[in-house]
Structure formats: structure tokens, C-alpha cells
Amino acid sequence: MTTLAPILALALVAQDPQTVPLWPAGAPGFESRRDEPEEAKDYWVKNVHNPSITAYLPPKEKATGAAVVICPGGGHRLLVFNAEGADAARHLNSIGVAAFVLKYRLGREEGSPYKIEEHARADGLRAMRLVRSRAAEWGVDPKRVGVMGFSAGGEVASFVAFGPNAGDPDAKDPVDRLDARPDFLIQVYPGPIGCPETVPKDAPPAFLLVASDDKGAAGTIVKLLQSYRDAGASVEAHVFARGGHGFNLGRRSKLASVKDWPARLDQWLADGGFLGATAEK
């Protein structure tokens, strides 16, 4: 006899992902390239000319109202979309957090017309504003929207968290009038671009994670941790003895600490009150 249990179980996992362009007519100044197809193979995506977010929403009965914009890494040459985007989104869904994976423009891809500090940054800010603009539709509390970055994506997250991020009250596009400041920051072995020398006392609460033998990102995390401590801002940091760079969610690692690191993030989100009452519908 056929059972409906497996079907029902799948239905309770999450809704199908939905991809939404950051700008309906294409990125400002590059509208003519909006229809150029992306390239995707194995674990990566590149040739991004119409930046977007892919929305992964948890089941409504499980949703907490919290949301995270995820910026995958890839050295600004490609996006590690699966392991540092979709996988992270599904993990966040499992604890009731809505996730939005950002496909930002790549400043180091061969032949790229884009600049990291200008276009990737603009994509990160727009992604935050877009999520807040559709918060009611997606069951999100606009006051509990964070940003998460892996490697080069951590640089995009730094731009969003520490650069100018206030909305423009005179903007023609109502989305651009909204604040892009994240309510919390998650940095996983981030790159150095955008990492400030100092942070204000009211900097977004931060969760920092890296392996000590990651010679590049470990320095960025230590610098950011010290800046937070000097400012008296809220921060939690995990520096593993080993793990190297690019361990994603730790699923392929043989190290127990690295393999289990997402549980530390879950605990931090819970302890920080970010998984509080469900957002009003």
C-alpha cells in the first residue's frame, strides 16, 4: 500500500527556491546585459550580469522570521553557489531561518567590466534592501535580517555591514530608500577587502569563524575580532586549530570541530535572540 508519509515529509522541508533579479530592468548601467546567460557547472556559477537572490524559505510552521542574505565565495572569479550558497541556505531553513543566496557580479572574472568595491558592493546592499522590501511576502521580520559571507563573499558582507548602508530617502526606486544595514553579521573565512580598521560600538553583532592554518582569512578574523573587542561591540569567534580554507559547511572534513561548526552558528543565533518570535504575517 502506498504511503503519503514521504511526500508529506518533503512538503515540510522548505518551499521551492525562487530566483529574483535585484533590479527588474537589470543592473544600473548594464541593463543591456541582463539577458546574457550565466554559466554553471559542478559547484560553481559565473558570468553573472543580472545579479539576483535565490530565496529559500522554511516551512511556514517552522519559520522564525529571521533571514540571512548569503554571499558565496569564489575569489570574485566565480561563485561557489552549491556548497557556500544553497547548502548553507538549506541548513538555515532547517532552523527556521529564511535564506537568500546572492549572485553578485564578479570583478576578477576574465574580461569582467565590474569592480569589486563598486558593483559587488552595490549588489550586496541591494540584496539587503530587496529582502526588507518583500519582508511581509516572505514572512521575514525586517529587523532580523543578517548577512553571511564565505571567503570573497565575506568581503561583500563587510561592505554591507561596515560601509555606507543607509537608504536614500529621495530615491525614485522605493527599494533604494530602505536601510541596508544588517542586524547581524556571519563571517566564515572572509577575505580582507572591506574589513575596517575600527568598528563602532553599535556594529552588527558578529559571528566569526576560521581555521588557524588559513593564513589569509585567519588574519582578517583576528583583526575583526580585536576591532569588535576594542569597540565593546558584541562578537563571538571560533578559531579552529586546523581546517584550511574553503571547508564550506564542514561536511567533507574529517575534523570533528570543522564538521560540526554549523551547530555553533545555530547556538549563537539562538543565544542572540535572532530566532525569537515568528514575524507577523
Protein backbone atom coordinates (compact mmCIF):
# COMPACT_ATOMS: atom_id res chain seq x y z
CA MET A 1 0.00 0.00 0.00
CA THR A 2 1.32 3.46 -0.91
CA THR A 3 2.01 5.77 2.00
CA LEU A 4 1.86 9.55 1.92
CA ALA A 5 4.44 9.92 4.70
CA PRO A 6 7.48 10.54 2.44
CA ILE A 7 5.51 13.07 0.39
CA LEU A 8 4.35 14.90 3.48
CA ALA A 9 7.86 14.89 4.91
CA LEU A 10 9.21 16.54 1.78
CA ALA A 11 6.46 19.12 1.86
CA LEU A 12 7.53 20.14 5.35
CA VAL A 13 11.19 20.69 4.45
CA ALA A 14 11.01 24.01 2.59
CA GLN A 15 9.41 25.75 -0.33
CA ASP A 16 10.95 25.56 -3.79
CA PRO A 17 13.69 28.18 -4.29
CA GLN A 18 12.66 31.33 -6.14
CA THR A 19 15.16 33.48 -8.05
CA VAL A 20 14.52 37.23 -8.07
CA PRO A 21 16.64 39.77 -10.01
CA LEU A 22 17.97 42.58 -7.85
CA TRP A 23 16.78 45.15 -10.41
CA PRO A 24 13.73 44.34 -12.60
CA ALA A 25 15.26 46.05 -15.64
CA GLY A 26 18.81 44.85 -14.99
CA ALA A 27 21.73 46.30 -13.05
CA PRO A 28 22.02 50.10 -13.43
CA GLY A 29 24.36 50.95 -16.29
CA PHE A 30 24.38 47.35 -17.53
CA GLU A 31 20.73 46.86 -18.42
CA SER A 32 21.66 45.68 -21.92
CA ARG A 33 23.41 42.63 -20.44
CA ARG A 34 20.54 41.39 -18.27
CA ASP A 35 19.63 38.58 -20.68
CA GLU A 36 23.13 37.15 -21.03
CA PRO A 37 23.02 33.59 -19.65
CA GLU A 38 25.01 32.58 -16.60
CA GLU A 39 27.48 29.74 -16.80
CA ALA A 40 27.12 26.92 -14.27
CA LYS A 41 28.99 23.65 -13.86
CA ASP A 42 29.60 21.26 -10.98
CA TYR A 43 29.81 23.50 -7.92
CA TRP A 44 30.13 26.96 -9.49
CA VAL A 45 28.28 29.76 -11.25
CA LYS A 46 29.86 32.64 -13.16
CA ASN A 47 29.15 35.15 -15.95
CA VAL A 48 26.68 36.96 -13.70
CA HIS A 49 25.33 40.05 -15.48
CA ASN A 50 21.84 40.11 -13.98
CA PRO A 51 22.56 39.86 -10.23
CA SER A 52 19.88 38.14 -8.19
CA ILE A 53 18.90 36.49 -4.95
CA THR A 54 17.57 32.96 -4.75
CA ALA A 55 15.05 32.71 -1.94
CA TYR A 56 15.00 29.55 0.19
CA LEU A 57 12.08 29.75 2.60
CA PRO A 58 11.49 27.41 5.55
CA PRO A 59 8.07 25.84 6.09
CA LYS A 60 5.67 28.47 7.41
CA GLU A 61 5.00 26.47 10.57
CA LYS A 62 8.72 26.41 11.33
CA ALA A 63 9.68 29.95 10.26
CA THR A 64 11.12 32.16 12.98
CA GLY A 65 11.02 35.41 11.00
CA ALA A 66 14.83 35.63 10.87
CA ALA A 67 16.53 35.93 7.49
CA VAL A 68 20.07 35.83 6.11
CA VAL A 69 21.49 37.08 2.82
CA ILE A 70 24.27 34.61 1.90
CA CYS A 71 27.27 35.74 -0.16
CA PRO A 72 29.16 32.70 -1.54
CA GLY A 73 32.90 32.81 -2.10
CA GLY A 74 34.94 32.08 -5.21
CA GLY A 75 37.66 34.72 -5.37
CA HIS A 76 35.43 37.10 -7.36
CA ARG A 77 36.10 34.83 -10.34
CA LEU A 78 33.15 32.51 -9.78
CA LEU A 79 30.56 31.73 -7.13
CA VAL A 80 30.70 28.53 -5.07
CA PHE A 81 26.93 28.51 -5.30
CA ASN A 82 26.15 24.99 -4.08
CA ALA A 83 28.44 24.44 -1.08
CA GLU A 84 28.54 28.07 0.10
CA GLY A 85 25.09 29.10 -1.04
CA ALA A 86 22.37 26.51 -1.46
CA ASP A 87 23.75 24.15 1.22
CA ALA A 88 24.05 26.99 3.74
CA ALA A 89 20.53 28.14 2.86
CA ARG A 90 19.06 24.69 3.44
CA HIS A 91 20.83 24.45 6.78
CA LEU A 92 19.39 27.79 7.85
CA ASN A 93 15.95 26.66 6.68
CA SER A 94 16.28 23.65 9.00
CA ILE A 95 16.32 26.00 12.00
CA GLY A 96 13.52 28.19 10.64
CA VAL A 97 15.61 30.93 9.04
CA ALA A 98 14.79 32.26 5.57
CA ALA A 99 17.87 32.42 3.34
CA PHE A 100 18.61 34.40 0.22
CA VAL A 101 21.65 33.38 -1.81
CA LEU A 102 23.19 36.30 -3.65
CA LYS A 103 24.62 36.03 -7.13
CA TYR A 104 26.78 39.14 -7.25
CA ARG A 105 28.86 40.47 -10.13
CA LEU A 106 32.42 39.17 -10.34
CA GLY A 107 35.21 41.71 -10.57
CA ARG A 108 38.04 39.26 -11.23
CA GLU A 109 36.41 37.04 -13.83
CA GLU A 110 38.27 37.16 -17.13
CA GLY A 111 37.02 40.08 -19.22
CA SER A 112 34.84 41.40 -16.43
CA PRO A 113 33.68 45.04 -16.67
CA TYR A 114 32.93 45.10 -12.94
CA LYS A 115 34.78 46.41 -9.90
CA ILE A 116 34.60 44.64 -6.56
CA GLU A 117 34.35 47.81 -4.48
CA GLU A 118 31.65 49.26 -6.70
CA HIS A 119 29.50 46.57 -8.28
CA ALA A 120 29.77 43.64 -5.84
CA ARG A 121 29.19 46.11 -3.05
CA ALA A 122 26.13 47.57 -4.81
CA ASP A 123 24.73 44.06 -5.26
CA GLY A 124 25.14 43.27 -1.56
CA LEU A 125 23.40 46.46 -0.48
CA ARG A 126 20.58 45.99 -2.96
CA ALA A 127 20.06 42.39 -1.80
CA MET A 128 19.55 43.52 1.80
CA ARG A 129 17.10 46.22 0.72
CA LEU A 130 15.21 43.86 -1.57
CA VAL A 131 14.69 41.33 1.23
CA ARG A 132 13.36 44.03 3.53
CA SER A 133 11.11 45.39 0.79
CA ARG A 134 9.40 41.99 0.46
CA ALA A 135 9.58 41.01 4.12
CA ALA A 136 5.82 40.59 4.52
CA GLU A 137 5.59 38.39 1.44
CA TRP A 138 8.42 36.16 2.60
CA GLY A 139 7.45 36.01 6.28
CA VAL A 140 10.55 37.92 7.38
CA ASP A 141 10.99 40.34 10.27
CA PRO A 142 12.80 43.32 8.66
CA LYS A 143 14.56 43.95 11.97
CA ARG A 144 16.14 40.46 11.98
CA VAL A 145 17.89 40.33 8.60
CA GLY A 146 21.56 39.37 8.68
CA VAL A 147 24.30 38.89 6.12
CA MET A 148 26.63 35.90 5.82
CA GLY A 149 29.81 35.72 3.77
CA PHE A 150 32.24 32.97 2.81
CA SER A 151 35.74 33.91 1.62
CA ALA A 152 35.37 36.54 -1.15
CA GLY A 153 31.69 36.69 -0.23
CA GLY A 154 32.85 37.81 3.20
CA GLU A 155 34.23 40.91 1.52
CA VAL A 156 30.78 41.66 0.11
CA ALA A 157 29.36 41.10 3.60
CA SER A 158 31.90 43.55 5.03
CA PHE A 159 30.88 46.21 2.51
CA VAL A 160 27.28 45.76 3.60
CA ALA A 161 28.00 45.74 7.32
CA PHE A 162 30.64 48.44 7.60
CA GLY A 163 30.39 50.71 4.57
CA PRO A 164 27.74 53.38 3.93
CA ASN A 165 24.48 51.45 4.04
CA ALA A 166 21.71 53.94 4.81
CA GLY A 167 18.86 54.24 2.32
CA ASP A 168 18.35 57.29 0.11
CA PRO A 169 15.05 58.92 1.13
CA ASP A 170 14.90 60.73 -2.23
CA ALA A 171 15.48 57.66 -4.40
CA LYS A 172 12.97 57.11 -7.22
CA ASP A 173 13.04 53.36 -6.56
CA PRO A 174 11.33 52.74 -3.19
CA VAL A 175 13.62 49.75 -2.56
CA ASP A 176 16.62 52.09 -2.51
CA ARG A 177 15.03 54.15 0.25
CA LEU A 178 15.37 51.26 2.70
CA ASP A 179 18.23 50.72 5.14
CA ALA A 180 20.72 48.03 4.09
CA ARG A 181 22.45 47.72 7.48
CA PRO A 182 22.37 44.08 8.61
CA ASP A 183 21.02 43.23 12.04
CA PHE A 184 23.80 40.66 12.46
CA LEU A 185 26.90 39.51 10.63
CA ILE A 186 28.24 35.99 9.96
CA GLN A 187 31.79 35.79 8.58
CA VAL A 188 33.26 32.42 7.54
CA TYR A 189 36.95 32.64 6.50
CA PRO A 190 36.41 36.07 4.89
CA GLY A 191 38.76 37.93 2.56
CA PRO A 192 40.37 41.20 3.71
CA ILE A 193 38.66 43.70 1.40
CA GLY A 194 36.11 45.80 3.24
CA CYS A 195 37.36 44.78 6.69
CA PRO A 196 37.56 48.05 8.66
CA GLU A 197 40.39 49.23 10.88
CA THR A 198 37.84 50.05 13.57
CA VAL A 199 34.17 49.33 14.15
CA PRO A 200 31.62 51.40 16.09
CA LYS A 201 30.16 50.23 19.36
CA ASP A 202 26.84 49.64 17.62
CA ALA A 203 28.34 47.44 14.90
CA PRO A 204 26.10 44.50 13.97
CA PRO A 205 26.59 41.56 16.37
CA ALA A 206 29.09 39.25 14.70
CA PHE A 207 29.82 35.53 14.47
CA LEU A 208 33.34 34.88 13.17
CA LEU A 209 34.78 31.54 12.12
CA VAL A 210 38.10 30.43 10.61
CA ALA A 211 40.86 27.82 10.85
CA SER A 212 44.17 28.96 12.32
CA ASP A 213 46.07 27.37 9.43
CA ASP A 214 44.16 29.52 6.94
CA LYS A 215 46.97 32.05 6.55
CA GLY A 216 44.89 34.65 4.74
CA ALA A 217 41.50 34.63 6.40
CA ALA A 218 42.79 33.98 9.92
CA GLY A 219 44.43 37.40 9.92
CA THR A 220 41.20 39.03 8.81
CA ILE A 221 39.23 37.33 11.57
CA VAL A 222 41.77 38.24 14.26
CA LYS A 223 41.75 41.86 13.10
CA LEU A 224 37.97 42.00 13.08
CA LEU A 225 37.71 40.31 16.47
CA GLN A 226 40.11 42.82 18.01
CA SER A 227 38.23 45.72 16.45
CA TYR A 228 34.97 44.45 17.94
CA ARG A 229 36.56 43.96 21.35
CA ASP A 230 38.13 47.43 21.28
CA ALA A 231 34.73 48.93 20.47
CA GLY A 232 32.89 46.88 23.08
CA ALA A 233 30.61 45.52 20.35
CA SER A 234 29.04 42.05 20.52
CA VAL A 235 31.16 39.32 18.93
CA GLU A 236 31.73 35.57 19.09
CA ALA A 237 34.72 33.97 17.38
CA HIS A 238 35.78 30.38 16.68
CA VAL A 239 39.33 29.68 15.52
CA PHE A 240 39.92 26.00 14.81
CA ALA A 241 43.44 24.57 15.04
CA ARG A 242 43.16 23.04 11.57
CA GLY A 243 40.82 23.11 8.63
CA GLY A 244 42.48 25.24 5.98
CA HIS A 245 40.45 27.42 3.66
CA GLY A 246 37.18 26.64 1.93
CA PHE A 247 35.77 23.92 4.16
CA ASN A 248 32.22 25.18 3.43
CA LEU A 249 29.78 23.67 5.97
CA GLY A 250 32.40 21.13 7.03
CA ARG A 251 30.65 18.12 5.54
CA ARG A 252 33.73 16.85 3.70
CA SER A 253 36.12 17.44 6.61
CA LYS A 254 37.50 14.63 8.77
CA LEU A 255 37.91 17.06 11.67
CA ALA A 256 35.13 16.85 14.25
CA SER A 257 35.30 20.56 15.10
CA VAL A 258 35.05 21.65 11.47
CA LYS A 259 32.37 19.11 10.59
CA ASP A 260 30.19 20.32 13.46
CA TRP A 261 30.70 24.06 13.11
CA PRO A 262 27.15 24.91 11.87
CA ALA A 263 25.88 23.87 15.30
CA ARG A 264 27.94 26.71 16.80
CA LEU A 265 26.19 29.14 14.47
CA ASP A 266 22.77 27.77 15.42
CA GLN A 267 23.57 28.25 19.09
CA TRP A 268 24.79 31.80 18.52
CA LEU A 269 21.67 32.73 16.60
CA ALA A 270 19.51 31.30 19.38
CA ASP A 271 21.51 32.92 22.19
CA GLY A 272 21.40 36.27 20.41
CA GLY A 273 17.62 36.23 20.21
CA PHE A 274 17.59 36.17 16.42
CA LEU A 275 15.38 33.08 16.39
CA GLY A 276 12.75 34.78 18.51
CA ALA A 277 9.05 35.20 17.88
CA THR A 278 7.74 34.44 14.43
CA ALA A 279 7.38 37.53 12.28
CA GLU A 280 3.91 38.93 11.92
CA LYS A 281 2.24 37.80 8.71
